[in-house]
């Protein structure tokens, strides 16, 4: 936690809430993004493992990856962009 306050847009809060992330105004954006990135890496590895195990057919794998990327679209912002965008002036 820091002395700096952050304002997370409602749309982002809804996306984060779907992942079980509820940042407070004093929660640094890098912490939120790092946590979200960890969740994404876990899920993409799980997908890869399912593909290797044959649970997901090869032809369907890319569709699963695309859906997962959409689910984590907020990671398309860089850590610096997170800080700049959500800093309370």
N, C-alpha and C. Protein backbone atom coordinates (compact mmCIF):
# COMPACT_ATOMS: atom_id res chain seq x y z
N UNK A 1 0.83 -1.17 0.00
CA UNK A 1 0.00 0.00 0.00
C UNK A 1 0.88 1.24 0.00
N UNK A 2 0.32 2.32 -0.50
CA UNK A 2 1.10 3.55 -0.62
C UNK A 2 0.26 4.74 -0.18
N UNK A 3 0.93 5.91 -0.16
CA UNK A 3 0.22 7.15 0.15
C UNK A 3 -0.55 7.67 -1.06
N UNK A 4 -0.14 7.25 -2.23
CA UNK A 4 -0.78 7.65 -3.48
C UNK A 4 -2.16 6.97 -3.59
N UNK A 5 -3.12 7.71 -4.12
CA UNK A 5 -4.45 7.13 -4.35
C UNK A 5 -4.65 6.89 -5.83
N UNK A 6 -5.41 5.88 -6.15
CA UNK A 6 -5.66 5.47 -7.53
C UNK A 6 -7.15 5.36 -7.76
N UNK A 7 -7.57 5.68 -8.97
CA UNK A 7 -9.00 5.55 -9.33
C UNK A 7 -9.09 4.57 -10.48
N UNK A 8 -9.71 3.44 -10.21
CA UNK A 8 -9.91 2.40 -11.22
C UNK A 8 -11.28 2.61 -11.87
N UNK A 9 -11.33 2.70 -13.20
CA UNK A 9 -12.61 2.90 -13.89
C UNK A 9 -13.58 1.76 -13.60
N UNK A 10 -14.85 2.09 -13.59
CA UNK A 10 -15.88 1.09 -13.30
C UNK A 10 -15.80 -0.12 -14.23
N UNK A 11 -15.52 0.13 -15.52
CA UNK A 11 -15.45 -0.97 -16.48
C UNK A 11 -14.31 -1.93 -16.11
N UNK A 12 -13.18 -1.37 -15.71
CA UNK A 12 -12.05 -2.20 -15.31
C UNK A 12 -12.38 -2.94 -14.02
N UNK A 13 -13.03 -2.26 -13.10
CA UNK A 13 -13.41 -2.91 -11.83
C UNK A 13 -14.31 -4.11 -12.07
N UNK A 14 -15.20 -4.01 -13.05
CA UNK A 14 -16.06 -5.15 -13.38
C UNK A 14 -15.24 -6.31 -13.93
N UNK A 15 -14.28 -6.01 -14.80
CA UNK A 15 -13.40 -7.07 -15.33
C UNK A 15 -12.58 -7.69 -14.20
N UNK A 16 -12.04 -6.86 -13.34
CA UNK A 16 -11.22 -7.35 -12.23
C UNK A 16 -12.05 -8.18 -11.26
N UNK A 17 -13.26 -7.73 -11.01
CA UNK A 17 -14.15 -8.44 -10.09
C UNK A 17 -14.42 -9.87 -10.58
N UNK A 18 -14.52 -10.03 -11.89
CA UNK A 18 -14.73 -11.36 -12.47
C UNK A 18 -13.56 -12.29 -12.16
N UNK A 19 -12.39 -11.71 -11.87
CA UNK A 19 -11.20 -12.49 -11.53
C UNK A 19 -10.98 -12.55 -10.02
N UNK A 20 -11.91 -11.99 -9.26
CA UNK A 20 -11.79 -12.00 -7.82
C UNK A 20 -10.86 -10.92 -7.28
N UNK A 21 -10.61 -9.89 -8.09
CA UNK A 21 -9.71 -8.81 -7.70
C UNK A 21 -10.54 -7.56 -7.41
N UNK A 22 -10.40 -7.04 -6.21
CA UNK A 22 -11.15 -5.86 -5.80
C UNK A 22 -10.18 -4.81 -5.24
N UNK A 23 -9.53 -4.04 -6.13
CA UNK A 23 -8.54 -3.08 -5.64
C UNK A 23 -9.19 -1.92 -4.89
N UNK A 24 -8.50 -1.48 -3.86
CA UNK A 24 -8.93 -0.32 -3.10
C UNK A 24 -8.23 0.90 -3.68
N UNK A 25 -8.66 2.10 -3.32
CA UNK A 25 -8.01 3.31 -3.83
C UNK A 25 -6.52 3.40 -3.49
N UNK A 26 -6.08 2.71 -2.43
CA UNK A 26 -4.66 2.75 -2.07
C UNK A 26 -3.88 1.53 -2.60
N UNK A 27 -4.52 0.71 -3.43
CA UNK A 27 -3.84 -0.44 -4.02
C UNK A 27 -3.13 0.00 -5.29
N UNK A 28 -1.82 -0.17 -5.30
CA UNK A 28 -1.00 0.27 -6.43
C UNK A 28 -1.37 -0.53 -7.70
N UNK A 29 -1.50 0.16 -8.84
CA UNK A 29 -1.87 -0.51 -10.09
C UNK A 29 -0.92 -1.63 -10.51
N UNK A 30 0.36 -1.48 -10.22
CA UNK A 30 1.31 -2.55 -10.59
C UNK A 30 1.02 -3.83 -9.82
N UNK A 31 0.59 -3.69 -8.58
CA UNK A 31 0.25 -4.87 -7.79
C UNK A 31 -0.96 -5.58 -8.40
N UNK A 32 -1.94 -4.79 -8.78
CA UNK A 32 -3.16 -5.35 -9.39
C UNK A 32 -2.80 -6.03 -10.71
N UNK A 33 -2.01 -5.35 -11.54
CA UNK A 33 -1.64 -5.89 -12.85
C UNK A 33 -0.78 -7.15 -12.71
N UNK A 34 0.17 -7.14 -11.77
CA UNK A 34 1.01 -8.31 -11.55
C UNK A 34 0.18 -9.52 -11.12
N UNK A 35 -0.79 -9.27 -10.24
CA UNK A 35 -1.66 -10.36 -9.80
C UNK A 35 -2.47 -10.92 -10.97
N UNK A 36 -3.02 -10.02 -11.77
CA UNK A 36 -3.80 -10.41 -12.93
C UNK A 36 -2.94 -11.16 -13.93
N UNK A 37 -1.72 -10.71 -14.12
CA UNK A 37 -0.79 -11.38 -15.03
C UNK A 37 -0.48 -12.80 -14.55
N UNK A 38 -0.33 -12.96 -13.25
CA UNK A 38 -0.11 -14.28 -12.69
C UNK A 38 -1.28 -15.22 -12.95
N UNK A 39 -2.49 -14.70 -12.79
CA UNK A 39 -3.68 -15.50 -13.09
C UNK A 39 -3.72 -15.92 -14.55
N UNK A 40 -3.39 -14.97 -15.44
CA UNK A 40 -3.37 -15.27 -16.88
C UNK A 40 -2.34 -16.36 -17.19
N UNK A 41 -1.14 -16.22 -16.64
CA UNK A 41 -0.10 -17.23 -16.90
C UNK A 41 -0.54 -18.60 -16.41
N UNK A 42 -1.18 -18.64 -15.24
CA UNK A 42 -1.69 -19.91 -14.73
C UNK A 42 -2.70 -20.53 -15.70
N UNK A 43 -3.63 -19.70 -16.18
CA UNK A 43 -4.67 -20.22 -17.07
C UNK A 43 -4.13 -20.62 -18.44
N UNK A 44 -3.17 -19.88 -18.97
CA UNK A 44 -2.62 -20.23 -20.28
C UNK A 44 -1.80 -21.51 -20.18
N UNK A 45 -1.11 -21.71 -19.07
CA UNK A 45 -0.37 -22.96 -18.87
C UNK A 45 -1.32 -24.14 -18.70
N UNK A 46 -2.41 -23.90 -18.01
CA UNK A 46 -3.41 -24.96 -17.84
C UNK A 46 -4.00 -25.35 -19.19
N UNK A 47 -4.28 -24.34 -20.03
CA UNK A 47 -4.77 -24.61 -21.39
C UNK A 47 -3.76 -25.44 -22.17
N UNK A 48 -2.50 -25.03 -22.11
CA UNK A 48 -1.44 -25.75 -22.81
C UNK A 48 -1.38 -27.21 -22.34
N UNK A 49 -1.47 -27.40 -21.04
CA UNK A 49 -1.42 -28.76 -20.50
C UNK A 49 -2.61 -29.58 -20.95
N UNK A 50 -3.78 -28.96 -21.01
CA UNK A 50 -4.97 -29.66 -21.50
C UNK A 50 -4.81 -30.04 -22.97
N UNK A 51 -4.21 -29.16 -23.73
CA UNK A 51 -3.96 -29.45 -25.14
C UNK A 51 -3.01 -30.64 -25.28
N UNK A 52 -1.94 -30.62 -24.49
CA UNK A 52 -0.96 -31.71 -24.53
C UNK A 52 -1.56 -33.04 -24.09
N UNK A 53 -2.49 -32.97 -23.13
CA UNK A 53 -3.13 -34.19 -22.63
C UNK A 53 -4.21 -34.70 -23.58
N UNK A 54 -4.54 -33.89 -24.59
CA UNK A 54 -5.56 -34.30 -25.55
C UNK A 54 -6.97 -33.94 -25.14
N UNK A 55 -7.12 -33.23 -24.03
CA UNK A 55 -8.44 -32.81 -23.57
C UNK A 55 -9.05 -31.78 -24.51
N UNK A 56 -8.18 -30.92 -25.05
CA UNK A 56 -8.60 -29.93 -26.03
C UNK A 56 -8.03 -30.33 -27.39
N UNK A 57 -8.88 -30.56 -28.37
CA UNK A 57 -8.38 -30.91 -29.71
C UNK A 57 -7.53 -29.78 -30.30
N UNK A 58 -6.52 -30.16 -31.05
CA UNK A 58 -5.59 -29.18 -31.62
C UNK A 58 -6.32 -28.10 -32.42
N UNK A 59 -7.33 -28.49 -33.17
CA UNK A 59 -8.07 -27.53 -34.01
C UNK A 59 -8.83 -26.50 -33.18
N UNK A 60 -9.17 -26.82 -31.95
CA UNK A 60 -9.93 -25.91 -31.09
C UNK A 60 -9.05 -25.07 -30.17
N UNK A 61 -7.78 -25.42 -30.08
CA UNK A 61 -6.88 -24.78 -29.12
C UNK A 61 -6.79 -23.27 -29.32
N UNK A 62 -6.59 -22.83 -30.55
CA UNK A 62 -6.42 -21.39 -30.80
C UNK A 62 -7.65 -20.60 -30.37
N UNK A 63 -8.82 -21.17 -30.56
CA UNK A 63 -10.05 -20.51 -30.12
C UNK A 63 -10.07 -20.30 -28.61
N UNK A 64 -9.59 -21.30 -27.88
CA UNK A 64 -9.52 -21.18 -26.42
C UNK A 64 -8.52 -20.10 -26.01
N UNK A 65 -7.40 -20.04 -26.72
CA UNK A 65 -6.38 -19.03 -26.42
C UNK A 65 -6.94 -17.63 -26.68
N UNK A 66 -7.63 -17.46 -27.79
CA UNK A 66 -8.21 -16.15 -28.12
C UNK A 66 -9.23 -15.73 -27.07
N UNK A 67 -10.08 -16.64 -26.64
CA UNK A 67 -11.07 -16.32 -25.60
C UNK A 67 -10.39 -15.94 -24.29
N UNK A 68 -9.31 -16.64 -23.97
CA UNK A 68 -8.59 -16.31 -22.74
C UNK A 68 -7.97 -14.93 -22.83
N UNK A 69 -7.41 -14.59 -23.98
CA UNK A 69 -6.83 -13.25 -24.15
C UNK A 69 -7.90 -12.17 -24.02
N UNK A 70 -9.09 -12.42 -24.54
CA UNK A 70 -10.18 -11.45 -24.40
C UNK A 70 -10.55 -11.26 -22.93
N UNK A 71 -10.52 -12.35 -22.19
CA UNK A 71 -10.85 -12.33 -20.76
C UNK A 71 -9.87 -11.46 -19.98
N UNK A 72 -8.63 -11.40 -20.46
CA UNK A 72 -7.58 -10.64 -19.80
C UNK A 72 -7.14 -9.44 -20.64
N UNK A 73 -8.07 -8.81 -21.34
CA UNK A 73 -7.77 -7.70 -22.23
C UNK A 73 -7.08 -6.53 -21.51
N UNK A 74 -7.36 -6.37 -20.24
CA UNK A 74 -6.76 -5.25 -19.49
C UNK A 74 -5.24 -5.39 -19.39
N UNK A 75 -4.70 -6.57 -19.63
CA UNK A 75 -3.25 -6.75 -19.60
C UNK A 75 -2.58 -6.16 -20.84
N UNK A 76 -3.38 -5.70 -21.79
CA UNK A 76 -2.79 -5.07 -22.98
C UNK A 76 -2.19 -3.71 -22.64
N UNK A 77 -2.58 -3.13 -21.51
CA UNK A 77 -1.95 -1.90 -21.03
C UNK A 77 -0.65 -2.26 -20.33
N UNK A 78 0.40 -1.47 -20.59
CA UNK A 78 1.68 -1.70 -19.92
C UNK A 78 1.58 -1.27 -18.45
N UNK A 79 2.51 -1.73 -17.61
CA UNK A 79 2.49 -1.29 -16.22
C UNK A 79 2.54 0.23 -16.08
N UNK A 80 3.34 0.89 -16.91
CA UNK A 80 3.41 2.35 -16.85
C UNK A 80 2.07 2.99 -17.23
N UNK A 81 1.40 2.41 -18.21
CA UNK A 81 0.09 2.94 -18.61
C UNK A 81 -0.93 2.76 -17.49
N UNK A 82 -0.85 1.65 -16.75
CA UNK A 82 -1.74 1.45 -15.61
C UNK A 82 -1.53 2.57 -14.60
N UNK A 83 -0.27 2.86 -14.28
CA UNK A 83 0.02 3.89 -13.29
C UNK A 83 -0.48 5.26 -13.74
N UNK A 84 -0.17 5.61 -14.97
CA UNK A 84 -0.55 6.92 -15.51
C UNK A 84 -2.06 7.06 -15.58
N UNK A 85 -2.72 6.04 -16.06
CA UNK A 85 -4.17 6.11 -16.28
C UNK A 85 -4.98 6.18 -14.99
N UNK A 86 -4.50 5.56 -13.93
CA UNK A 86 -5.32 5.43 -12.72
C UNK A 86 -4.89 6.32 -11.57
N UNK A 87 -3.86 7.12 -11.78
CA UNK A 87 -3.37 8.01 -10.71
C UNK A 87 -4.39 9.14 -10.47
N UNK A 88 -4.70 9.36 -9.20
CA UNK A 88 -5.57 10.47 -8.82
C UNK A 88 -4.70 11.71 -8.77
N UNK A 89 -5.12 12.73 -9.46
CA UNK A 89 -4.30 13.97 -9.53
C UNK A 89 -4.43 14.79 -8.28
